[in-house]
């Protein structure tokens, strides 16, 4: 009988040792708190318990394009003050202007297909990221300080909530920066103004532009771009398609001065019977 009781007690103790401790209350995005190794450094394969890369990563990870900044309305609920891990965070509602340096972590398969703080489903193969306070949605350029590699991501989630980490990238974005195997790397995070980018992700220089039309359908805007390009004998680099909200705006420029812009405005009117509007970018 004693042998039986001793065996039962040992089995109970061993079972208790094998049980994971209860998870902490998840933060606003539904993600659990960041898990660090006992040495205080990242665990290979990710920062979250039972997380990591997919068993069979797709072969075209390097071909996944950067997120393209575009003007979007702020999320109705995801930018309210919230509490996570006992700390209070107040998201920004003005963009851009923020630049910071610190550690970037990443999250992967455990959250793939689950809701983010924005309500969108997390896609570990998209160029997205979680940030404690940048507006949702917004865009940021993240540059790895050890190798100079950079990627543009769309902020659609909250986190990380570990004191020395400033951003949590998707699996695909972390792959591009080259730190998946070590779990974290020091980065510079620069928030971007989407109004200064075209639909190809190219920054729009300051100066004068001519706007020839605005369309809800991208194919209609591109059709006008091609018509204008041929009529005015322009190069592709002189044409811009700017997405502002739901409208695709066809623009030419930048022009070095008012006279050059006015000359092309007259050409557009004479050759295409369009009345272009002058747009000035600071």
C-alpha atoms as a PDB file:
ATOM      1  CA  UNK A   1       0.000   0.000   0.000  1.00  0.00           C
ATOM      2  CA  UNK A   2       2.863   2.377   0.839  1.00  0.00           C
ATOM      3  CA  UNK A   3       4.529   1.543  -2.449  1.00  0.00           C
ATOM      4  CA  UNK A   4       1.287   2.357  -4.241  1.00  0.00           C
ATOM      5  CA  UNK A   5       0.921   5.704  -2.410  1.00  0.00           C
ATOM      6  CA  UNK A   6       4.558   6.607  -3.126  1.00  0.00           C
ATOM      7  CA  UNK A   7       4.173   5.799  -6.831  1.00  0.00           C
ATOM      8  CA  UNK A   8       0.980   7.818  -7.041  1.00  0.00           C
ATOM      9  CA  UNK A   9       2.616  10.787  -5.311  1.00  0.00           C
ATOM     10  CA  UNK A  10       5.588  10.697  -7.719  1.00  0.00           C
ATOM     11  CA  UNK A  11       3.258  10.560 -10.692  1.00  0.00           C
ATOM     12  CA  UNK A  12       1.366  13.579  -9.371  1.00  0.00           C
ATOM     13  CA  UNK A  13       4.543  15.623  -8.846  1.00  0.00           C
ATOM     14  CA  UNK A  14       5.919  14.753 -12.288  1.00  0.00           C
ATOM     15  CA  UNK A  15       2.629  15.658 -13.924  1.00  0.00           C
ATOM     16  CA  UNK A  16       2.551  18.993 -12.115  1.00  0.00           C
ATOM     17  CA  UNK A  17       6.060  19.808 -13.345  1.00  0.00           C
ATOM     18  CA  UNK A  18       5.013  19.199 -16.917  1.00  0.00           C
ATOM     19  CA  UNK A  19       2.021  21.555 -16.877  1.00  0.00           C
ATOM     20  CA  UNK A  20       2.555  25.020 -18.324  1.00  0.00           C
ATOM     21  CA  UNK A  21       1.785  27.922 -15.959  1.00  0.00           C
ATOM     22  CA  UNK A  22      -1.433  29.804 -16.694  1.00  0.00           C
ATOM     23  CA  UNK A  23      -1.056  32.477 -19.356  1.00  0.00           C
ATOM     24  CA  UNK A  24      -1.122  36.129 -18.336  1.00  0.00           C
ATOM     25  CA  UNK A  25      -4.150  38.198 -19.279  1.00  0.00           C
ATOM     26  CA  UNK A  26      -3.730  39.090 -22.973  1.00  0.00           C
ATOM     27  CA  UNK A  27      -3.271  42.744 -23.958  1.00  0.00           C
ATOM     28  CA  UNK A  28      -5.555  44.749 -26.212  1.00  0.00           C
ATOM     29  CA  UNK A  29      -4.604  42.936 -29.404  1.00  0.00           C
ATOM     30  CA  UNK A  30      -5.267  39.481 -27.955  1.00  0.00           C
ATOM     31  CA  UNK A  31      -1.571  38.569 -28.097  1.00  0.00           C
ATOM     32  CA  UNK A  32      -0.001  37.115 -24.962  1.00  0.00           C
ATOM     33  CA  UNK A  33       2.872  38.961 -23.292  1.00  0.00           C
ATOM     34  CA  UNK A  34       6.306  38.586 -24.832  1.00  0.00           C
ATOM     35  CA  UNK A  35       8.195  35.572 -23.549  1.00  0.00           C
ATOM     36  CA  UNK A  36      11.951  35.961 -23.026  1.00  0.00           C
ATOM     37  CA  UNK A  37      14.487  33.267 -22.252  1.00  0.00           C
ATOM     38  CA  UNK A  38      15.914  32.892 -18.769  1.00  0.00           C
ATOM     39  CA  UNK A  39      19.038  34.675 -19.998  1.00  0.00           C
ATOM     40  CA  UNK A  40      16.979  37.719 -20.971  1.00  0.00           C
ATOM     41  CA  UNK A  41      17.595  37.249 -24.701  1.00  0.00           C
ATOM     42  CA  UNK A  42      15.290  36.107 -27.446  1.00  0.00           C
ATOM     43  CA  UNK A  43      14.491  32.452 -27.980  1.00  0.00           C
ATOM     44  CA  UNK A  44      15.313  31.273 -31.513  1.00  0.00           C
ATOM     45  CA  UNK A  45      12.206  31.048 -33.660  1.00  0.00           C
ATOM     46  CA  UNK A  46      10.189  33.795 -32.015  1.00  0.00           C
ATOM     47  CA  UNK A  47       9.280  35.501 -28.773  1.00  0.00           C
ATOM     48  CA  UNK A  48       5.953  33.940 -27.935  1.00  0.00           C
ATOM     49  CA  UNK A  49       5.211  30.685 -26.223  1.00  0.00           C
ATOM     50  CA  UNK A  50       4.626  27.926 -28.793  1.00  0.00           C
ATOM     51  CA  UNK A  51       5.217  30.395 -31.638  1.00  0.00           C
ATOM     52  CA  UNK A  52       7.692  30.306 -34.483  1.00  0.00           C
ATOM     53  CA  UNK A  53       8.114  30.043 -38.231  1.00  0.00           C
ATOM     54  CA  UNK A  54       5.943  27.768 -40.374  1.00  0.00           C
ATOM     55  CA  UNK A  55       7.020  24.167 -40.871  1.00  0.00           C
ATOM     56  CA  UNK A  56       7.336  24.767 -44.613  1.00  0.00           C
ATOM     57  CA  UNK A  57       7.985  28.459 -45.374  1.00  0.00           C
ATOM     58  CA  UNK A  58       6.923  29.586 -48.868  1.00  0.00           C
ATOM     59  CA  UNK A  59       9.714  29.847 -51.405  1.00  0.00           C
ATOM     60  CA  UNK A  60       8.878  33.417 -52.461  1.00  0.00           C
ATOM     61  CA  UNK A  61       9.391  35.238 -49.152  1.00  0.00           C
ATOM     62  CA  UNK A  62      11.997  37.540 -50.667  1.00  0.00           C
ATOM     63  CA  UNK A  63       9.531  38.571 -53.388  1.00  0.00           C
ATOM     64  CA  UNK A  64       6.856  39.828 -50.970  1.00  0.00           C
ATOM     65  CA  UNK A  65       6.688  43.606 -51.592  1.00  0.00           C
ATOM     66  CA  UNK A  66       6.797  46.334 -48.990  1.00  0.00           C
ATOM     67  CA  UNK A  67       3.536  47.755 -47.741  1.00  0.00           C
ATOM     68  CA  UNK A  68       2.537  50.753 -49.862  1.00  0.00           C
ATOM     69  CA  UNK A  69       1.621  53.794 -47.750  1.00  0.00           C
ATOM     70  CA  UNK A  70      -1.799  55.198 -48.525  1.00  0.00           C
ATOM     71  CA  UNK A  71      -4.128  57.595 -46.786  1.00  0.00           C
ATOM     72  CA  UNK A  72      -6.635  55.695 -44.632  1.00  0.00           C
ATOM     73  CA  UNK A  73      -9.047  56.805 -41.912  1.00  0.00           C
ATOM     74  CA  UNK A  74      -7.974  55.970 -38.372  1.00  0.00           C
ATOM     75  CA  UNK A  75      -9.620  52.924 -36.823  1.00  0.00           C
ATOM     76  CA  UNK A  76     -12.610  53.835 -34.689  1.00  0.00           C
ATOM     77  CA  UNK A  77     -11.621  51.799 -31.622  1.00  0.00           C
ATOM     78  CA  UNK A  78      -7.981  50.714 -31.960  1.00  0.00           C
ATOM     79  CA  UNK A  79      -6.590  54.166 -31.105  1.00  0.00           C
ATOM     80  CA  UNK A  80      -8.201  54.564 -27.694  1.00  0.00           C
ATOM     81  CA  UNK A  81      -6.184  54.557 -24.462  1.00  0.00           C
ATOM     82  CA  UNK A  82      -5.756  50.991 -23.192  1.00  0.00           C
ATOM     83  CA  UNK A  83      -4.020  49.005 -20.447  1.00  0.00           C
ATOM     84  CA  UNK A  84      -1.713  46.042 -21.108  1.00  0.00           C
ATOM     85  CA  UNK A  85       0.520  44.230 -18.618  1.00  0.00           C
ATOM     86  CA  UNK A  86      -0.324  46.832 -15.988  1.00  0.00           C
ATOM     87  CA  UNK A  87       0.803  49.771 -18.158  1.00  0.00           C
ATOM     88  CA  UNK A  88      -1.362  52.435 -19.762  1.00  0.00           C
ATOM     89  CA  UNK A  89      -0.816  53.307 -23.421  1.00  0.00           C
ATOM     90  CA  UNK A  90      -2.278  56.261 -25.298  1.00  0.00           C
ATOM     91  CA  UNK A  91      -1.994  55.776 -29.084  1.00  0.00           C
ATOM     92  CA  UNK A  92      -1.124  58.713 -31.300  1.00  0.00           C
ATOM     93  CA  UNK A  93      -3.776  60.130 -33.574  1.00  0.00           C
ATOM     94  CA  UNK A  94      -1.490  62.421 -35.580  1.00  0.00           C
ATOM     95  CA  UNK A  95       0.912  61.017 -38.139  1.00  0.00           C
ATOM     96  CA  UNK A  96       3.744  61.033 -39.013  1.00  0.00           C
ATOM     97  CA  UNK A  97       6.656  62.446 -36.993  1.00  0.00           C
ATOM     98  CA  UNK A  98       7.844  59.604 -34.798  1.00  0.00           C
ATOM     99  CA  UNK A  99      11.319  58.082 -35.016  1.00  0.00           C
ATOM    100  CA  UNK A 100      12.733  55.717 -32.408  1.00  0.00           C
ATOM    101  CA  UNK A 101      15.354  53.045 -31.956  1.00  0.00           C
ATOM    102  CA  UNK A 102      15.153  49.824 -29.980  1.00  0.00           C
ATOM    103  CA  UNK A 103      14.647  46.094 -30.272  1.00  0.00           C
ATOM    104  CA  UNK A 104      12.273  44.570 -32.814  1.00  0.00           C
ATOM    105  CA  UNK A 105      10.754  41.153 -32.172  1.00  0.00           C
ATOM    106  CA  UNK A 106       8.413  39.159 -34.416  1.00  0.00           C
ATOM    107  CA  UNK A 107       5.392  36.879 -34.231  1.00  0.00           C
ATOM    108  CA  UNK A 108       4.420  34.004 -36.456  1.00  0.00           C
ATOM    109  CA  UNK A 109       2.342  30.882 -36.826  1.00  0.00           C
ATOM    110  CA  UNK A 110       0.610  30.960 -33.443  1.00  0.00           C
ATOM    111  CA  UNK A 111      -1.293  34.086 -34.446  1.00  0.00           C
ATOM    112  CA  UNK A 112      -1.669  33.462 -38.173  1.00  0.00           C
ATOM    113  CA  UNK A 113      -5.343  33.918 -39.075  1.00  0.00           C
ATOM    114  CA  UNK A 114      -6.294  35.420 -35.716  1.00  0.00           C
ATOM    115  CA  UNK A 115      -7.713  38.906 -35.197  1.00  0.00           C
ATOM    116  CA  UNK A 116      -5.376  41.835 -34.677  1.00  0.00           C
ATOM    117  CA  UNK A 117      -6.212  44.958 -32.686  1.00  0.00           C
ATOM    118  CA  UNK A 118      -7.608  46.449 -35.894  1.00  0.00           C
ATOM    119  CA  UNK A 119      -9.983  43.519 -36.337  1.00  0.00           C
ATOM    120  CA  UNK A 120      -8.101  42.372 -39.444  1.00  0.00           C
ATOM    121  CA  UNK A 121      -6.798  38.821 -39.527  1.00  0.00           C
ATOM    122  CA  UNK A 122      -3.078  38.502 -38.919  1.00  0.00           C
ATOM    123  CA  UNK A 123      -1.184  37.334 -41.989  1.00  0.00           C
ATOM    124  CA  UNK A 124       2.360  36.295 -41.158  1.00  0.00           C
ATOM    125  CA  UNK A 125       3.244  36.610 -44.859  1.00  0.00           C
ATOM    126  CA  UNK A 126       2.131  40.258 -45.147  1.00  0.00           C
ATOM    127  CA  UNK A 127       4.276  43.289 -44.401  1.00  0.00           C
ATOM    128  CA  UNK A 128       2.590  44.315 -41.178  1.00  0.00           C
ATOM    129  CA  UNK A 129       3.600  45.097 -37.613  1.00  0.00           C
ATOM    130  CA  UNK A 130       2.358  45.705 -34.091  1.00  0.00           C
ATOM    131  CA  UNK A 131       3.279  48.878 -32.211  1.00  0.00           C
ATOM    132  CA  UNK A 132       2.101  50.080 -28.788  1.00  0.00           C
ATOM    133  CA  UNK A 133       1.216  53.653 -29.767  1.00  0.00           C
ATOM    134  CA  UNK A 134       1.559  54.387 -33.495  1.00  0.00           C
ATOM    135  CA  UNK A 135      -1.832  55.050 -35.111  1.00  0.00           C
ATOM    136  CA  UNK A 136      -3.816  52.140 -36.530  1.00  0.00           C
ATOM    137  CA  UNK A 137      -3.585  52.036 -39.446  1.00  0.00           C
ATOM    138  CA  UNK A 138      -0.314  53.778 -40.230  1.00  0.00           C
ATOM    139  CA  UNK A 139       2.951  53.002 -41.978  1.00  0.00           C
ATOM    140  CA  UNK A 140       6.555  52.835 -40.843  1.00  0.00           C
ATOM    141  CA  UNK A 141       9.960  52.161 -42.326  1.00  0.00           C
ATOM    142  CA  UNK A 142      11.905  49.732 -40.134  1.00  0.00           C
ATOM    143  CA  UNK A 143      15.669  49.547 -40.643  1.00  0.00           C
ATOM    144  CA  UNK A 144      17.916  46.929 -39.068  1.00  0.00           C
ATOM    145  CA  UNK A 145      20.891  48.775 -37.595  1.00  0.00           C
ATOM    146  CA  UNK A 146      23.271  45.835 -37.927  1.00  0.00           C
ATOM    147  CA  UNK A 147      22.950  45.395 -41.692  1.00  0.00           C
ATOM    148  CA  UNK A 148      21.093  48.436 -43.068  1.00  0.00           C
ATOM    149  CA  UNK A 149      18.223  46.378 -44.512  1.00  0.00           C
ATOM    150  CA  UNK A 150      14.836  48.084 -44.366  1.00  0.00           C
ATOM    151  CA  UNK A 151      11.190  47.310 -44.969  1.00  0.00           C
ATOM    152  CA  UNK A 152       7.973  49.347 -45.028  1.00  0.00           C
ATOM    153  CA  UNK A 153       5.213  47.853 -42.884  1.00  0.00           C
ATOM    154  CA  UNK A 154       1.599  48.699 -42.134  1.00  0.00           C
ATOM    155  CA  UNK A 155       0.767  49.034 -38.428  1.00  0.00           C
ATOM    156  CA  UNK A 156      -2.460  47.113 -37.740  1.00  0.00           C
ATOM    157  CA  UNK A 157      -1.874  45.567 -34.299  1.00  0.00           C
ATOM    158  CA  UNK A 158      -0.797  46.416 -30.743  1.00  0.00           C
ATOM    159  CA  UNK A 159       2.325  45.213 -28.957  1.00  0.00           C
ATOM    160  CA  UNK A 160       4.985  44.337 -27.991  1.00  0.00           C
ATOM    161  CA  UNK A 161       4.609  45.049 -24.288  1.00  0.00           C
ATOM    162  CA  UNK A 162       8.094  44.081 -23.175  1.00  0.00           C
ATOM    163  CA  UNK A 163       9.965  47.094 -21.821  1.00  0.00           C
ATOM    164  CA  UNK A 164      12.904  47.169 -24.225  1.00  0.00           C
ATOM    165  CA  UNK A 165      11.099  46.282 -27.474  1.00  0.00           C
ATOM    166  CA  UNK A 166       9.618  48.933 -29.700  1.00  0.00           C
ATOM    167  CA  UNK A 167       7.928  46.993 -32.515  1.00  0.00           C
ATOM    168  CA  UNK A 168       6.726  43.482 -33.323  1.00  0.00           C
ATOM    169  CA  UNK A 169       7.092  42.586 -37.001  1.00  0.00           C
ATOM    170  CA  UNK A 170       5.354  39.947 -39.060  1.00  0.00           C
ATOM    171  CA  UNK A 171       7.279  36.806 -39.973  1.00  0.00           C
ATOM    172  CA  UNK A 172       7.760  38.054 -43.549  1.00  0.00           C
ATOM    173  CA  UNK A 173       9.082  41.447 -42.435  1.00  0.00           C
ATOM    174  CA  UNK A 174      11.494  39.848 -39.957  1.00  0.00           C
ATOM    175  CA  UNK A 175      12.712  37.562 -42.724  1.00  0.00           C
ATOM    176  CA  UNK A 176      13.462  40.581 -44.908  1.00  0.00           C
ATOM    177  CA  UNK A 177      15.513  42.164 -42.134  1.00  0.00           C
ATOM    178  CA  UNK A 178      17.357  38.905 -41.523  1.00  0.00           C
ATOM    179  CA  UNK A 179      16.780  38.301 -37.807  1.00  0.00           C
ATOM    180  CA  UNK A 180      14.334  35.391 -37.636  1.00  0.00           C
ATOM    181  CA  UNK A 181      16.949  32.989 -36.317  1.00  0.00           C
ATOM    182  CA  UNK A 182      17.960  35.190 -33.396  1.00  0.00           C
ATOM    183  CA  UNK A 183      14.472  36.454 -32.570  1.00  0.00           C
ATOM    184  CA  UNK A 184      15.276  40.164 -32.238  1.00  0.00           C
ATOM    185  CA  UNK A 185      17.487  42.931 -33.583  1.00  0.00           C
ATOM    186  CA  UNK A 186      18.046  46.627 -33.010  1.00  0.00           C
ATOM    187  CA  UNK A 187      16.102  48.779 -35.449  1.00  0.00           C
ATOM    188  CA  UNK A 188      15.160  52.321 -36.293  1.00  0.00           C
ATOM    189  CA  UNK A 189      11.418  52.890 -36.720  1.00  0.00           C
ATOM    190  CA  UNK A 190      10.336  55.911 -38.767  1.00  0.00           C
ATOM    191  CA  UNK A 191       6.649  56.661 -39.187  1.00  0.00           C
ATOM    192  CA  UNK A 192       5.707  57.673 -42.728  1.00  0.00           C
ATOM    193  CA  UNK A 193       3.268  60.201 -44.135  1.00  0.00           C
ATOM    194  CA  UNK A 194       1.192  58.217 -46.670  1.00  0.00           C
ATOM    195  CA  UNK A 195       0.205  61.400 -48.482  1.00  0.00           C
ATOM    196  CA  UNK A 196       3.793  61.693 -49.710  1.00  0.00           C
ATOM    197  CA  UNK A 197       3.915  58.287 -51.453  1.00  0.00           C
ATOM    198  CA  UNK A 198       2.526  57.067 -54.742  1.00  0.00           C
ATOM    199  CA  UNK A 199       0.912  53.675 -55.296  1.00  0.00           C
ATOM    200  CA  UNK A 200       4.287  52.144 -56.176  1.00  0.00           C
ATOM    201  CA  UNK A 201       5.641  53.061 -52.749  1.00  0.00           C
ATOM    202  CA  UNK A 202       7.846  55.812 -54.183  1.00  0.00           C
ATOM    203  CA  UNK A 203       8.229  58.955 -52.103  1.00  0.00           C
ATOM    204  CA  UNK A 204       6.802  62.061 -53.742  1.00  0.00           C
ATOM    205  CA  UNK A 205       9.246  64.941 -53.831  1.00  0.00           C
ATOM    206  CA  UNK A 206       8.088  68.353 -52.763  1.00  0.00           C
ATOM    207  CA  UNK A 207       7.158  70.846 -55.447  1.00  0.00           C
ATOM    208  CA  UNK A 208       4.431  71.442 -58.020  1.00  0.00           C
ATOM    209  CA  UNK A 209       2.264  68.761 -59.623  1.00  0.00           C
ATOM    210  CA  UNK A 210      -0.600  68.732 -62.087  1.00  0.00           C
ATOM    211  CA  UNK A 211      -3.577  66.596 -61.127  1.00  0.00           C
ATOM    212  CA  UNK A 212      -5.533  65.355 -64.123  1.00  0.00           C
ATOM    213  CA  UNK A 213      -8.230  63.246 -62.516  1.00  0.00           C
ATOM    214  CA  UNK A 214      -9.331  61.165 -59.524  1.00  0.00           C
ATOM    215  CA  UNK A 215     -10.942  57.727 -59.824  1.00  0.00           C
ATOM    216  CA  UNK A 216     -12.367  55.159 -57.450  1.00  0.00           C
ATOM    217  CA  UNK A 217     -11.259  52.377 -59.802  1.00  0.00           C
ATOM    218  CA  UNK A 218      -7.515  51.956 -60.242  1.00  0.00           C
ATOM    219  CA  UNK A 219      -7.825  50.618 -63.790  1.00  0.00           C
ATOM    220  CA  UNK A 220      -9.567  53.823 -64.897  1.00  0.00           C
ATOM    221  CA  UNK A 221      -6.805  55.920 -63.382  1.00  0.00           C
ATOM    222  CA  UNK A 222      -4.109  53.845 -65.075  1.00  0.00           C
ATOM    223  CA  UNK A 223      -5.915  54.132 -68.408  1.00  0.00           C
ATOM    224  CA  UNK A 224      -5.806  57.927 -68.122  1.00  0.00           C
ATOM    225  CA  UNK A 225      -2.133  57.794 -67.105  1.00  0.00           C
ATOM    226  CA  UNK A 226      -1.249  55.879 -70.252  1.00  0.00           C
ATOM    227  CA  UNK A 227      -3.319  58.207 -72.429  1.00  0.00           C
ATOM    228  CA  UNK A 228      -1.614  61.264 -70.950  1.00  0.00           C
ATOM    229  CA  UNK A 229       1.844  59.716 -71.147  1.00  0.00           C
ATOM    230  CA  UNK A 230       1.484  59.060 -74.863  1.00  0.00           C
ATOM    231  CA  UNK A 231      -0.175  62.385 -75.705  1.00  0.00           C
ATOM    232  CA  UNK A 232       2.465  64.431 -73.874  1.00  0.00           C
ATOM    233  CA  UNK A 233       5.359  62.080 -74.626  1.00  0.00           C
ATOM    234  CA  UNK A 234       6.208  61.680 -70.939  1.00  0.00           C
ATOM    235  CA  UNK A 235       8.291  59.014 -69.247  1.00  0.00           C
ATOM    236  CA  UNK A 236       6.838  56.723 -66.607  1.00  0.00           C
ATOM    237  CA  UNK A 237       8.953  58.507 -63.992  1.00  0.00           C
ATOM    238  CA  UNK A 238       7.075  61.743 -64.677  1.00  0.00           C
ATOM    239  CA  UNK A 239       3.672  60.179 -63.940  1.00  0.00           C
ATOM    240  CA  UNK A 240       2.317  59.531 -60.461  1.00  0.00           C
ATOM    241  CA  UNK A 241      -0.676  57.584 -59.189  1.00  0.00           C
ATOM    242  CA  UNK A 242      -1.471  58.686 -55.646  1.00  0.00           C
ATOM    243  CA  UNK A 243      -4.006  56.822 -53.517  1.00  0.00           C
ATOM    244  CA  UNK A 244      -5.809  59.144 -51.114  1.00  0.00           C
ATOM    245  CA  UNK A 245      -8.596  57.410 -49.231  1.00  0.00           C
ATOM    246  CA  UNK A 246     -10.577  55.561 -51.886  1.00  0.00           C
ATOM    247  CA  UNK A 247      -9.494  57.789 -54.782  1.00  0.00           C
ATOM    248  CA  UNK A 248      -6.653  57.134 -57.228  1.00  0.00           C
ATOM    249  CA  UNK A 249      -5.291  60.529 -58.280  1.00  0.00           C
ATOM    250  CA  UNK A 250      -3.399  60.887 -61.560  1.00  0.00           C
ATOM    251  CA  UNK A 251      -0.611  63.458 -61.299  1.00  0.00           C
ATOM    252  CA  UNK A 252       2.348  64.734 -63.327  1.00  0.00           C
ATOM    253  CA  UNK A 253       5.458  66.172 -61.755  1.00  0.00           C
ATOM    254  CA  UNK A 254       7.174  67.519 -59.862  1.00  0.00           C
ATOM    255  CA  UNK A 255       7.819  70.712 -61.820  1.00  0.00           C
ATOM    256  CA  UNK A 256      10.763  72.999 -61.051  1.00  0.00           C
ATOM    257  CA  UNK A 257       8.628  76.159 -61.202  1.00  0.00           C
ATOM    258  CA  UNK A 258       5.186  77.602 -61.929  1.00  0.00           C
ATOM    259  CA  UNK A 259       6.031  78.383 -65.550  1.00  0.00           C
ATOM    260  CA  UNK A 260       6.865  74.749 -66.386  1.00  0.00           C
ATOM    261  CA  UNK A 261       3.689  73.552 -64.688  1.00  0.00           C
ATOM    262  CA  UNK A 262       1.531  76.103 -66.487  1.00  0.00           C
ATOM    263  CA  UNK A 263       3.077  75.120 -69.831  1.00  0.00           C
ATOM    264  CA  UNK A 264       2.104  71.481 -69.315  1.00  0.00           C
ATOM    265  CA  UNK A 265      -1.327  72.515 -68.072  1.00  0.00           C
ATOM    266  CA  UNK A 266      -1.882  74.236 -71.413  1.00  0.00           C
ATOM    267  CA  UNK A 267      -0.635  71.158 -73.294  1.00  0.00           C
ATOM    268  CA  UNK A 268      -3.034  68.939 -71.346  1.00  0.00           C
ATOM    269  CA  UNK A 269      -5.926  71.234 -72.212  1.00  0.00           C
ATOM    270  CA  UNK A 270      -5.003  71.470 -75.906  1.00  0.00           C
ATOM    271  CA  UNK A 271      -4.184  67.810 -76.552  1.00  0.00           C
ATOM    272  CA  UNK A 272      -6.532  66.014 -74.144  1.00  0.00           C
ATOM    273  CA  UNK A 273      -9.277  68.570 -73.449  1.00  0.00           C
ATOM    274  CA  UNK A 274      -8.670  68.199 -69.712  1.00  0.00           C
ATOM    275  CA  UNK A 275      -8.511  70.978 -67.152  1.00  0.00           C
ATOM    276  CA  UNK A 276      -5.651  69.994 -64.822  1.00  0.00           C
ATOM    277  CA  UNK A 277      -5.420  71.342 -61.285  1.00  0.00           C
ATOM    278  CA  UNK A 278      -2.172  72.642 -59.767  1.00  0.00           C
ATOM    279  CA  UNK A 279      -1.149  70.792 -56.593  1.00  0.00           C
ATOM    280  CA  UNK A 280       1.670  72.008 -54.369  1.00  0.00           C
ATOM    281  CA  UNK A 281       3.527  69.607 -52.058  1.00  0.00           C
ATOM    282  CA  UNK A 282       5.732  70.960 -49.288  1.00  0.00           C
END
